[in-house]
Amino acid sequence: GRRLIGWDEILEGGLAPGATVMSWRG
């Protein structure tokens, strides 16, 4: 019942369906 959040590198290689992105490199 939780949601994943990660830094914007998690975009690399394809983003997990339910992921939220924290964009720090710009």
mmCIF file of all heavy atoms, coordinates in Angstrom:
data_MODEL
# 
_entry.id   MODEL 
# 
loop_
_atom_site.group_PDB 
_atom_site.id 
_atom_site.type_symbol 
_atom_site.label_atom_id 
_atom_site.label_alt_id 
_atom_site.label_comp_id 
_atom_site.label_asym_id 
_atom_site.label_entity_id 
_atom_site.label_seq_id 
_atom_site.pdbx_PDB_ins_code 
_atom_site.Cartn_x 
_atom_site.Cartn_y 
_atom_site.Cartn_z 
_atom_site.occupancy 
_atom_site.B_iso_or_equiv 
_atom_site.pdbx_formal_charge 
_atom_site.auth_seq_id 
_atom_site.auth_comp_id 
_atom_site.auth_asym_id 
_atom_site.auth_atom_id 
_atom_site.pdbx_PDB_model_num 
ATOM 1   N N   . GLY A 1 1  ? 0.793  -1.218 0.000   1.00 0.00 ? 1  GLY A N   1 
ATOM 2   C CA  . GLY A 1 1  ? 0.000  0.000  0.000   1.00 0.00 ? 1  GLY A CA  1 
ATOM 3   C C   . GLY A 1 1  ? 0.825  1.267  0.000   1.00 0.00 ? 1  GLY A C   1 
ATOM 4   O O   . GLY A 1 1  ? 0.323  2.339  0.366   1.00 0.00 ? 1  GLY A O   1 
ATOM 5   N N   . ARG A 1 2  ? 2.073  1.168  -0.430  1.00 0.00 ? 2  ARG A N   1 
ATOM 6   C CA  . ARG A 1 2  ? 2.965  2.334  -0.459  1.00 0.00 ? 2  ARG A CA  1 
ATOM 7   C C   . ARG A 1 2  ? 3.383  2.639  -1.897  1.00 0.00 ? 2  ARG A C   1 
ATOM 8   O O   . ARG A 1 2  ? 3.188  1.823  -2.802  1.00 0.00 ? 2  ARG A O   1 
ATOM 9   C CB  . ARG A 1 2  ? 4.206  2.077  0.399   1.00 0.00 ? 2  ARG A CB  1 
ATOM 10  C CG  . ARG A 1 2  ? 3.908  1.654  1.828   1.00 0.00 ? 2  ARG A CG  1 
ATOM 11  C CD  . ARG A 1 2  ? 3.058  2.649  2.600   1.00 0.00 ? 2  ARG A CD  1 
ATOM 12  N NE  . ARG A 1 2  ? 2.804  2.204  3.957   1.00 0.00 ? 2  ARG A NE  1 
ATOM 13  C CZ  . ARG A 1 2  ? 3.535  2.537  5.004   1.00 0.00 ? 2  ARG A CZ  1 
ATOM 14  N NH1 . ARG A 1 2  ? 4.592  3.326  4.850   1.00 0.00 ? 2  ARG A NH1 1 
ATOM 15  N NH2 . ARG A 1 2  ? 3.229  2.085  6.199   1.00 0.00 ? 2  ARG A NH2 1 
ATOM 16  N N   . ARG A 1 3  ? 4.012  3.794  -2.067  1.00 0.00 ? 3  ARG A N   1 
ATOM 17  C CA  . ARG A 1 3  ? 4.485  4.199  -3.389  1.00 0.00 ? 3  ARG A CA  1 
ATOM 18  C C   . ARG A 1 3  ? 5.978  4.489  -3.346  1.00 0.00 ? 3  ARG A C   1 
ATOM 19  O O   . ARG A 1 3  ? 6.481  5.096  -2.402  1.00 0.00 ? 3  ARG A O   1 
ATOM 20  C CB  . ARG A 1 3  ? 3.740  5.444  -3.879  1.00 0.00 ? 3  ARG A CB  1 
ATOM 21  C CG  . ARG A 1 3  ? 2.277  5.187  -4.201  1.00 0.00 ? 3  ARG A CG  1 
ATOM 22  C CD  . ARG A 1 3  ? 1.625  6.423  -4.786  1.00 0.00 ? 3  ARG A CD  1 
ATOM 23  N NE  . ARG A 1 3  ? 2.302  6.855  -5.997  1.00 0.00 ? 3  ARG A NE  1 
ATOM 24  C CZ  . ARG A 1 3  ? 2.056  8.023  -6.600  1.00 0.00 ? 3  ARG A CZ  1 
ATOM 25  N NH1 . ARG A 1 3  ? 1.184  8.865  -6.069  1.00 0.00 ? 3  ARG A NH1 1 
ATOM 26  N NH2 . ARG A 1 3  ? 2.693  8.353  -7.701  1.00 0.00 ? 3  ARG A NH2 1 
ATOM 27  N N   . LEU A 1 4  ? 6.654  4.078  -4.385  1.00 0.00 ? 4  LEU A N   1 
ATOM 28  C CA  . LEU A 1 4  ? 8.095  4.286  -4.497  1.00 0.00 ? 4  LEU A CA  1 
ATOM 29  C C   . LEU A 1 4  ? 8.378  5.677  -5.058  1.00 0.00 ? 4  LEU A C   1 
ATOM 30  O O   . LEU A 1 4  ? 7.719  6.134  -5.998  1.00 0.00 ? 4  LEU A O   1 
ATOM 31  C CB  . LEU A 1 4  ? 8.704  3.217  -5.394  1.00 0.00 ? 4  LEU A CB  1 
ATOM 32  C CG  . LEU A 1 4  ? 10.220 3.280  -5.660  1.00 0.00 ? 4  LEU A CG  1 
ATOM 33  C CD1 . LEU A 1 4  ? 10.786 1.865  -5.778  1.00 0.00 ? 4  LEU A CD1 1 
ATOM 34  C CD2 . LEU A 1 4  ? 10.540 4.070  -6.941  1.00 0.00 ? 4  LEU A CD2 1 
ATOM 35  N N   . ILE A 1 5  ? 9.387  6.322  -4.476  1.00 0.00 ? 5  ILE A N   1 
ATOM 36  C CA  . ILE A 1 5  ? 9.907  7.560  -5.032  1.00 0.00 ? 5  ILE A CA  1 
ATOM 37  C C   . ILE A 1 5  ? 11.419 7.427  -5.080  1.00 0.00 ? 5  ILE A C   1 
ATOM 38  O O   . ILE A 1 5  ? 12.037 6.812  -4.205  1.00 0.00 ? 5  ILE A O   1 
ATOM 39  C CB  . ILE A 1 5  ? 9.472  8.798  -4.201  1.00 0.00 ? 5  ILE A CB  1 
ATOM 40  C CG1 . ILE A 1 5  ? 9.961  10.094 -4.854  1.00 0.00 ? 5  ILE A CG1 1 
ATOM 41  C CG2 . ILE A 1 5  ? 9.932  8.702  -2.754  1.00 0.00 ? 5  ILE A CG2 1 
ATOM 42  C CD1 . ILE A 1 5  ? 9.354  11.354 -4.239  1.00 0.00 ? 5  ILE A CD1 1 
ATOM 43  N N   . GLY A 1 6  ? 12.028 7.957  -6.149  1.00 0.00 ? 6  GLY A N   1 
ATOM 44  C CA  . GLY A 1 6  ? 13.474 7.877  -6.296  1.00 0.00 ? 6  GLY A CA  1 
ATOM 45  C C   . GLY A 1 6  ? 14.013 9.066  -7.055  1.00 0.00 ? 6  GLY A C   1 
ATOM 46  O O   . GLY A 1 6  ? 13.262 9.820  -7.685  1.00 0.00 ? 6  GLY A O   1 
ATOM 47  N N   . TRP A 1 7  ? 15.315 9.245  -6.986  1.00 0.00 ? 7  TRP A N   1 
ATOM 48  C CA  . TRP A 1 7  ? 15.977 10.331 -7.724  1.00 0.00 ? 7  TRP A CA  1 
ATOM 49  C C   . TRP A 1 7  ? 15.855 10.093 -9.226  1.00 0.00 ? 7  TRP A C   1 
ATOM 50  O O   . TRP A 1 7  ? 15.533 8.994  -9.672  1.00 0.00 ? 7  TRP A O   1 
ATOM 51  C CB  . TRP A 1 7  ? 17.438 10.429 -7.314  1.00 0.00 ? 7  TRP A CB  1 
ATOM 52  C CG  . TRP A 1 7  ? 17.636 10.715 -5.854  1.00 0.00 ? 7  TRP A CG  1 
ATOM 53  C CD1 . TRP A 1 7  ? 18.102 9.848  -4.905  1.00 0.00 ? 7  TRP A CD1 1 
ATOM 54  C CD2 . TRP A 1 7  ? 17.368 11.942 -5.170  1.00 0.00 ? 7  TRP A CD2 1 
ATOM 55  N NE1 . TRP A 1 7  ? 18.140 10.458 -3.674  1.00 0.00 ? 7  TRP A NE1 1 
ATOM 56  C CE2 . TRP A 1 7  ? 17.694 11.741 -3.802  1.00 0.00 ? 7  TRP A CE2 1 
ATOM 57  C CE3 . TRP A 1 7  ? 16.877 13.190 -5.566  1.00 0.00 ? 7  TRP A CE3 1 
ATOM 58  C CZ2 . TRP A 1 7  ? 17.546 12.747 -2.850  1.00 0.00 ? 7  TRP A CZ2 1 
ATOM 59  C CZ3 . TRP A 1 7  ? 16.739 14.192 -4.609  1.00 0.00 ? 7  TRP A CZ3 1 
ATOM 60  C CH2 . TRP A 1 7  ? 17.077 13.964 -3.271  1.00 0.00 ? 7  TRP A CH2 1 
ATOM 61  N N   . ASP A 1 8  ? 16.117 11.127 -10.019 1.00 0.00 ? 8  ASP A N   1 
ATOM 62  C CA  . ASP A 1 8  ? 15.779 11.043 -11.446 1.00 0.00 ? 8  ASP A CA  1 
ATOM 63  C C   . ASP A 1 8  ? 16.591 10.002 -12.220 1.00 0.00 ? 8  ASP A C   1 
ATOM 64  O O   . ASP A 1 8  ? 16.221 9.649  -13.335 1.00 0.00 ? 8  ASP A O   1 
ATOM 65  C CB  . ASP A 1 8  ? 15.885 12.417 -12.120 1.00 0.00 ? 8  ASP A CB  1 
ATOM 66  C CG  . ASP A 1 8  ? 17.222 13.098 -11.929 1.00 0.00 ? 8  ASP A CG  1 
ATOM 67  O OD1 . ASP A 1 8  ? 18.217 12.646 -12.503 1.00 0.00 ? 8  ASP A OD1 1 
ATOM 68  O OD2 . ASP A 1 8  ? 17.263 14.112 -11.199 1.00 0.00 ? 8  ASP A OD2 1 
ATOM 69  N N   . GLU A 1 9  ? 17.659 9.442  -11.636 1.00 0.00 ? 9  GLU A N   1 
ATOM 70  C CA  . GLU A 1 9  ? 18.376 8.372  -12.312 1.00 0.00 ? 9  GLU A CA  1 
ATOM 71  C C   . GLU A 1 9  ? 17.521 7.124  -12.511 1.00 0.00 ? 9  GLU A C   1 
ATOM 72  O O   . GLU A 1 9  ? 17.850 6.268  -13.340 1.00 0.00 ? 9  GLU A O   1 
ATOM 73  C CB  . GLU A 1 9  ? 19.646 7.990  -11.534 1.00 0.00 ? 9  GLU A CB  1 
ATOM 74  C CG  . GLU A 1 9  ? 20.788 8.976  -11.684 1.00 0.00 ? 9  GLU A CG  1 
ATOM 75  C CD  . GLU A 1 9  ? 20.827 10.005 -10.566 1.00 0.00 ? 9  GLU A CD  1 
ATOM 76  O OE1 . GLU A 1 9  ? 19.749 10.330 -10.024 1.00 0.00 ? 9  GLU A OE1 1 
ATOM 77  O OE2 . GLU A 1 9  ? 21.916 10.495 -10.236 1.00 0.00 ? 9  GLU A OE2 1 
ATOM 78  N N   . ILE A 1 10 ? 16.421 7.005  -11.754 1.00 0.00 ? 10 ILE A N   1 
ATOM 79  C CA  . ILE A 1 10 ? 15.581 5.819  -11.937 1.00 0.00 ? 10 ILE A CA  1 
ATOM 80  C C   . ILE A 1 10 ? 14.871 5.846  -13.290 1.00 0.00 ? 10 ILE A C   1 
ATOM 81  O O   . ILE A 1 10 ? 14.252 4.846  -13.689 1.00 0.00 ? 10 ILE A O   1 
ATOM 82  C CB  . ILE A 1 10 ? 14.549 5.655  -10.798 1.00 0.00 ? 10 ILE A CB  1 
ATOM 83  C CG1 . ILE A 1 10 ? 13.512 6.779  -10.792 1.00 0.00 ? 10 ILE A CG1 1 
ATOM 84  C CG2 . ILE A 1 10 ? 15.244 5.545  -9.449  1.00 0.00 ? 10 ILE A CG2 1 
ATOM 85  C CD1 . ILE A 1 10 ? 12.390 6.569  -9.775  1.00 0.00 ? 10 ILE A CD1 1 
ATOM 86  N N   . LEU A 1 11 ? 14.980 6.960  -14.012 1.00 0.00 ? 11 LEU A N   1 
ATOM 87  C CA  . LEU A 1 11 ? 14.456 7.019  -15.374 1.00 0.00 ? 11 LEU A CA  1 
ATOM 88  C C   . LEU A 1 11 ? 15.297 6.186  -16.334 1.00 0.00 ? 11 LEU A C   1 
ATOM 89  O O   . LEU A 1 11 ? 14.805 5.719  -17.361 1.00 0.00 ? 11 LEU A O   1 
ATOM 90  C CB  . LEU A 1 11 ? 14.429 8.474  -15.859 1.00 0.00 ? 11 LEU A CB  1 
ATOM 91  C CG  . LEU A 1 11 ? 13.332 9.388  -15.300 1.00 0.00 ? 11 LEU A CG  1 
ATOM 92  C CD1 . LEU A 1 11 ? 13.734 10.842 -15.460 1.00 0.00 ? 11 LEU A CD1 1 
ATOM 93  C CD2 . LEU A 1 11 ? 12.016 9.109  -16.005 1.00 0.00 ? 11 LEU A CD2 1 
ATOM 94  N N   . GLU A 1 12 ? 16.569 6.011  -16.012 1.00 0.00 ? 12 GLU A N   1 
ATOM 95  C CA  . GLU A 1 12 ? 17.492 5.327  -16.911 1.00 0.00 ? 12 GLU A CA  1 
ATOM 96  C C   . GLU A 1 12 ? 17.157 3.842  -16.997 1.00 0.00 ? 12 GLU A C   1 
ATOM 97  O O   . GLU A 1 12 ? 17.028 3.172  -15.974 1.00 0.00 ? 12 GLU A O   1 
ATOM 98  C CB  . GLU A 1 12 ? 18.934 5.531  -16.428 1.00 0.00 ? 12 GLU A CB  1 
ATOM 99  C CG  . GLU A 1 12 ? 19.349 6.993  -16.410 1.00 0.00 ? 12 GLU A CG  1 
ATOM 100 C CD  . GLU A 1 12 ? 20.659 7.232  -15.658 1.00 0.00 ? 12 GLU A CD  1 
ATOM 101 O OE1 . GLU A 1 12 ? 21.249 6.240  -15.174 1.00 0.00 ? 12 GLU A OE1 1 
ATOM 102 O OE2 . GLU A 1 12 ? 21.063 8.404  -15.542 1.00 0.00 ? 12 GLU A OE2 1 
ATOM 103 N N   . GLY A 1 13 ? 17.003 3.344  -18.184 1.00 0.00 ? 13 GLY A N   1 
ATOM 104 C CA  . GLY A 1 13 ? 16.675 1.943  -18.371 1.00 0.00 ? 13 GLY A CA  1 
ATOM 105 C C   . GLY A 1 13 ? 15.194 1.660  -18.301 1.00 0.00 ? 13 GLY A C   1 
ATOM 106 O O   . GLY A 1 13 ? 14.773 0.509  -18.407 1.00 0.00 ? 13 GLY A O   1 
ATOM 107 N N   . GLY A 1 14 ? 14.371 2.687  -18.139 1.00 0.00 ? 14 GLY A N   1 
ATOM 108 C CA  . GLY A 1 14 ? 12.927 2.510  -18.067 1.00 0.00 ? 14 GLY A CA  1 
ATOM 109 C C   . GLY A 1 14 ? 12.412 2.730  -16.668 1.00 0.00 ? 14 GLY A C   1 
ATOM 110 O O   . GLY A 1 14 ? 12.974 2.227  -15.703 1.00 0.00 ? 14 GLY A O   1 
ATOM 111 N N   . LEU A 1 15 ? 11.338 3.485  -16.550 1.00 0.00 ? 15 LEU A N   1 
ATOM 112 C CA  . LEU A 1 15 ? 10.805 3.872  -15.238 1.00 0.00 ? 15 LEU A CA  1 
ATOM 113 C C   . LEU A 1 15 ? 9.765  2.860  -14.764 1.00 0.00 ? 15 LEU A C   1 
ATOM 114 O O   . LEU A 1 15 ? 8.893  2.428  -15.518 1.00 0.00 ? 15 LEU A O   1 
ATOM 115 C CB  . LEU A 1 15 ? 10.171 5.261  -15.332 1.00 0.00 ? 15 LEU A CB  1 
ATOM 116 C CG  . LEU A 1 15 ? 9.766  5.949  -14.037 1.00 0.00 ? 15 LEU A CG  1 
ATOM 117 C CD1 . LEU A 1 15 ? 10.937 6.080  -13.090 1.00 0.00 ? 15 LEU A CD1 1 
ATOM 118 C CD2 . LEU A 1 15 ? 9.178  7.324  -14.350 1.00 0.00 ? 15 LEU A CD2 1 
ATOM 119 N N   . ALA A 1 16 ? 9.873  2.482  -13.499 1.00 0.00 ? 16 ALA A N   1 
ATOM 120 C CA  . ALA A 1 16 ? 8.898  1.576  -12.906 1.00 0.00 ? 16 ALA A CA  1 
ATOM 121 C C   . ALA A 1 16 ? 7.509  2.206  -12.965 1.00 0.00 ? 16 ALA A C   1 
ATOM 122 O O   . ALA A 1 16 ? 7.363  3.421  -12.790 1.00 0.00 ? 16 ALA A O   1 
ATOM 123 C CB  . ALA A 1 16 ? 9.282  1.269  -11.462 1.00 0.00 ? 16 ALA A CB  1 
ATOM 124 N N   . PRO A 1 17 ? 6.468  1.401  -13.228 1.00 0.00 ? 17 PRO A N   1 
ATOM 125 C CA  . PRO A 1 17 ? 5.124  1.933  -13.493 1.00 0.00 ? 17 PRO A CA  1 
ATOM 126 C C   . PRO A 1 17 ? 4.571  2.882  -12.423 1.00 0.00 ? 17 PRO A C   1 
ATOM 127 O O   . PRO A 1 17 ? 4.002  3.913  -12.739 1.00 0.00 ? 17 PRO A O   1 
ATOM 128 C CB  . PRO A 1 17 ? 4.261  0.668  -13.597 1.00 0.00 ? 17 PRO A CB  1 
ATOM 129 C CG  . PRO A 1 17 ? 5.205  -0.402 -14.010 1.00 0.00 ? 17 PRO A CG  1 
ATOM 130 C CD  . PRO A 1 17 ? 6.518  -0.074 -13.347 1.00 0.00 ? 17 PRO A CD  1 
ATOM 131 N N   . GLY A 1 18 ? 4.748  2.533  -11.141 1.00 0.00 ? 18 GLY A N   1 
ATOM 132 C CA  . GLY A 1 18 ? 4.156  3.352  -10.090 1.00 0.00 ? 18 GLY A CA  1 
ATOM 133 C C   . GLY A 1 18 ? 5.091  4.364  -9.470  1.00 0.00 ? 18 GLY A C   1 
ATOM 134 O O   . GLY A 1 18 ? 4.743  5.012  -8.480  1.00 0.00 ? 18 GLY A O   1 
ATOM 135 N N   . ALA A 1 19 ? 6.287  4.516  -10.037 1.00 0.00 ? 19 ALA A N   1 
ATOM 136 C CA  . ALA A 1 19 ? 7.319  5.336  -9.405  1.00 0.00 ? 19 ALA A CA  1 
ATOM 137 C C   . ALA A 1 19 ? 7.045  6.831  -9.524  1.00 0.00 ? 19 ALA A C   1 
ATOM 138 O O   . ALA A 1 19 ? 6.506  7.309  -10.518 1.00 0.00 ? 19 ALA A O   1 
ATOM 139 C CB  . ALA A 1 19 ? 8.681  5.019  -10.006 1.00 0.00 ? 19 ALA A CB  1 
ATOM 140 N N   . THR A 1 20 ? 7.430  7.547  -8.495  1.00 0.00 ? 20 THR A N   1 
ATOM 141 C CA  . THR A 1 20 ? 7.446  9.006  -8.498  1.00 0.00 ? 20 THR A CA  1 
ATOM 142 C C   . THR A 1 20 ? 8.894  9.453  -8.580  1.00 0.00 ? 20 THR A C   1 
ATOM 143 O O   . THR A 1 20 ? 9.771  8.881  -7.930  1.00 0.00 ? 20 THR A O   1 
ATOM 144 C CB  . THR A 1 20 ? 6.792  9.560  -7.220  1.00 0.00 ? 20 THR A CB  1 
ATOM 145 O OG1 . THR A 1 20 ? 5.406  9.202  -7.214  1.00 0.00 ? 20 THR A OG1 1 
ATOM 146 C CG2 . THR A 1 20 ? 6.910  11.074 -7.141  1.00 0.00 ? 20 THR A CG2 1 
ATOM 147 N N   . VAL A 1 21 ? 9.160  10.466 -9.381  1.00 0.00 ? 21 VAL A N   1 
ATOM 148 C CA  . VAL A 1 21 ? 10.527 10.925 -9.628  1.00 0.00 ? 21 VAL A CA  1 
ATOM 149 C C   . VAL A 1 21 ? 10.811 12.202 -8.864  1.00 0.00 ? 21 VAL A C   1 
ATOM 150 O O   . VAL A 1 21 ? 10.023 13.150 -8.898  1.00 0.00 ? 21 VAL A O   1 
ATOM 151 C CB  . VAL A 1 21 ? 10.761 11.151 -11.136 1.00 0.00 ? 21 VAL A CB  1 
ATOM 152 C CG1 . VAL A 1 21 ? 12.110 11.819 -11.388 1.00 0.00 ? 21 VAL A CG1 1 
ATOM 153 C CG2 . VAL A 1 21 ? 10.684 9.829  -11.892 1.00 0.00 ? 21 VAL A CG2 1 
ATOM 154 N N   . MET A 1 22 ? 11.948 12.220 -8.171  1.00 0.00 ? 22 MET A N   1 
ATOM 155 C CA  . MET A 1 22 ? 12.450 13.434 -7.534  1.00 0.00 ? 22 MET A CA  1 
ATOM 156 C C   . MET A 1 22 ? 13.611 13.919 -8.398  1.00 0.00 ? 22 MET A C   1 
ATOM 157 O O   . MET A 1 22 ? 14.672 13.302 -8.439  1.00 0.00 ? 22 MET A O   1 
ATOM 158 C CB  . MET A 1 22 ? 12.887 13.148 -6.097  1.00 0.00 ? 22 MET A CB  1 
ATOM 159 C CG  . MET A 1 22 ? 13.296 14.381 -5.327  1.00 0.00 ? 22 MET A CG  1 
ATOM 160 S SD  . MET A 1 22 ? 13.553 14.046 -3.546  1.00 0.00 ? 22 MET A SD  1 
ATOM 161 C CE  . MET A 1 22 ? 11.849 14.033 -2.980  1.00 0.00 ? 22 MET A CE  1 
ATOM 162 N N   . SER A 1 23 ? 13.396 15.012 -9.099  1.00 0.00 ? 23 SER A N   1 
ATOM 163 C CA  . SER A 1 23 ? 14.351 15.480 -10.105 1.00 0.00 ? 23 SER A CA  1 
ATOM 164 C C   . SER A 1 23 ? 15.364 16.432 -9.484  1.00 0.00 ? 23 SER A C   1 
ATOM 165 O O   . SER A 1 23 ? 15.024 17.558 -9.125  1.00 0.00 ? 23 SER A O   1 
ATOM 166 C CB  . SER A 1 23 ? 13.594 16.176 -11.243 1.00 0.00 ? 23 SER A CB  1 
ATOM 167 O OG  . SER A 1 23 ? 14.435 16.475 -12.314 1.00 0.00 ? 23 SER A OG  1 
ATOM 168 N N   . TRP A 1 24 ? 16.620 15.967 -9.357  1.00 0.00 ? 24 TRP A N   1 
ATOM 169 C CA  . TRP A 1 24 ? 17.646 16.766 -8.692  1.00 0.00 ? 24 TRP A CA  1 
ATOM 170 C C   . TRP A 1 24 ? 18.741 17.251 -9.631  1.00 0.00 ? 24 TRP A C   1 
ATOM 171 O O   . TRP A 1 24 ? 19.427 18.230 -9.345  1.00 0.00 ? 24 TRP A O   1 
ATOM 172 C CB  . TRP A 1 24 ? 18.275 15.975 -7.545  1.00 0.00 ? 24 TRP A CB  1 
ATOM 173 C CG  . TRP A 1 24 ? 19.256 14.902 -7.957  1.00 0.00 ? 24 TRP A CG  1 
ATOM 174 C CD1 . TRP A 1 24 ? 18.975 13.657 -8.406  1.00 0.00 ? 24 TRP A CD1 1 
ATOM 175 C CD2 . TRP A 1 24 ? 20.686 15.004 -7.949  1.00 0.00 ? 24 TRP A CD2 1 
ATOM 176 N NE1 . TRP A 1 24 ? 20.129 12.959 -8.679  1.00 0.00 ? 24 TRP A NE1 1 
ATOM 177 C CE2 . TRP A 1 24 ? 21.203 13.764 -8.398  1.00 0.00 ? 24 TRP A CE2 1 
ATOM 178 C CE3 . TRP A 1 24 ? 21.592 16.012 -7.590  1.00 0.00 ? 24 TRP A CE3 1 
ATOM 179 C CZ2 . TRP A 1 24 ? 22.564 13.513 -8.517  1.00 0.00 ? 24 TRP A CZ2 1 
ATOM 180 C CZ3 . TRP A 1 24 ? 22.954 15.756 -7.697  1.00 0.00 ? 24 TRP A CZ3 1 
ATOM 181 C CH2 . TRP A 1 24 ? 23.433 14.521 -8.159  1.00 0.00 ? 24 TRP A CH2 1 
ATOM 182 N N   . ARG A 1 25 ? 18.944 16.613 -10.775 1.00 0.00 ? 25 ARG A N   1 
ATOM 183 C CA  . ARG A 1 25 ? 20.031 17.000 -11.679 1.00 0.00 ? 25 ARG A CA  1 
ATOM 184 C C   . ARG A 1 25 ? 19.589 18.075 -12.668 1.00 0.00 ? 25 ARG A C   1 
ATOM 185 O O   . ARG A 1 25 ? 20.149 18.210 -13.750 1.00 0.00 ? 25 ARG A O   1 
ATOM 186 C CB  . ARG A 1 25 ? 20.538 15.772 -12.431 1.00 0.00 ? 25 ARG A CB  1 
ATOM 187 C CG  . ARG A 1 25 ? 21.170 14.710 -11.550 1.00 0.00 ? 25 ARG A CG  1 
ATOM 188 C CD  . ARG A 1 25 ? 21.661 13.519 -12.346 1.00 0.00 ? 25 ARG A CD  1 
ATOM 189 N NE  . ARG A 1 25 ? 20.580 12.863 -13.061 1.00 0.00 ? 25 ARG A NE  1 
ATOM 190 C CZ  . ARG A 1 25 ? 20.743 11.856 -13.915 1.00 0.00 ? 25 ARG A CZ  1 
ATOM 191 N NH1 . ARG A 1 25 ? 21.961 11.393 -14.169 1.00 0.00 ? 25 ARG A NH1 1 
ATOM 192 N NH2 . ARG A 1 25 ? 19.704 11.310 -14.517 1.00 0.00 ? 25 ARG A NH2 1 
ATOM 193 N N   . GLY A 1 26 ? 18.613 18.843 -12.291 1.00 0.00 ? 26 GLY A N   1 
ATOM 194 C CA  . GLY A 1 26 ? 18.028 19.834 -13.173 1.00 0.00 ? 26 GLY A CA  1 
ATOM 195 C C   . GLY A 1 26 ? 16.538 19.570 -13.289 1.00 0.00 ? 26 GLY A C   1 
ATOM 196 O O   . GLY A 1 26 ? 15.950 18.834 -12.494 1.00 0.00 ? 26 GLY A O   1 
# 
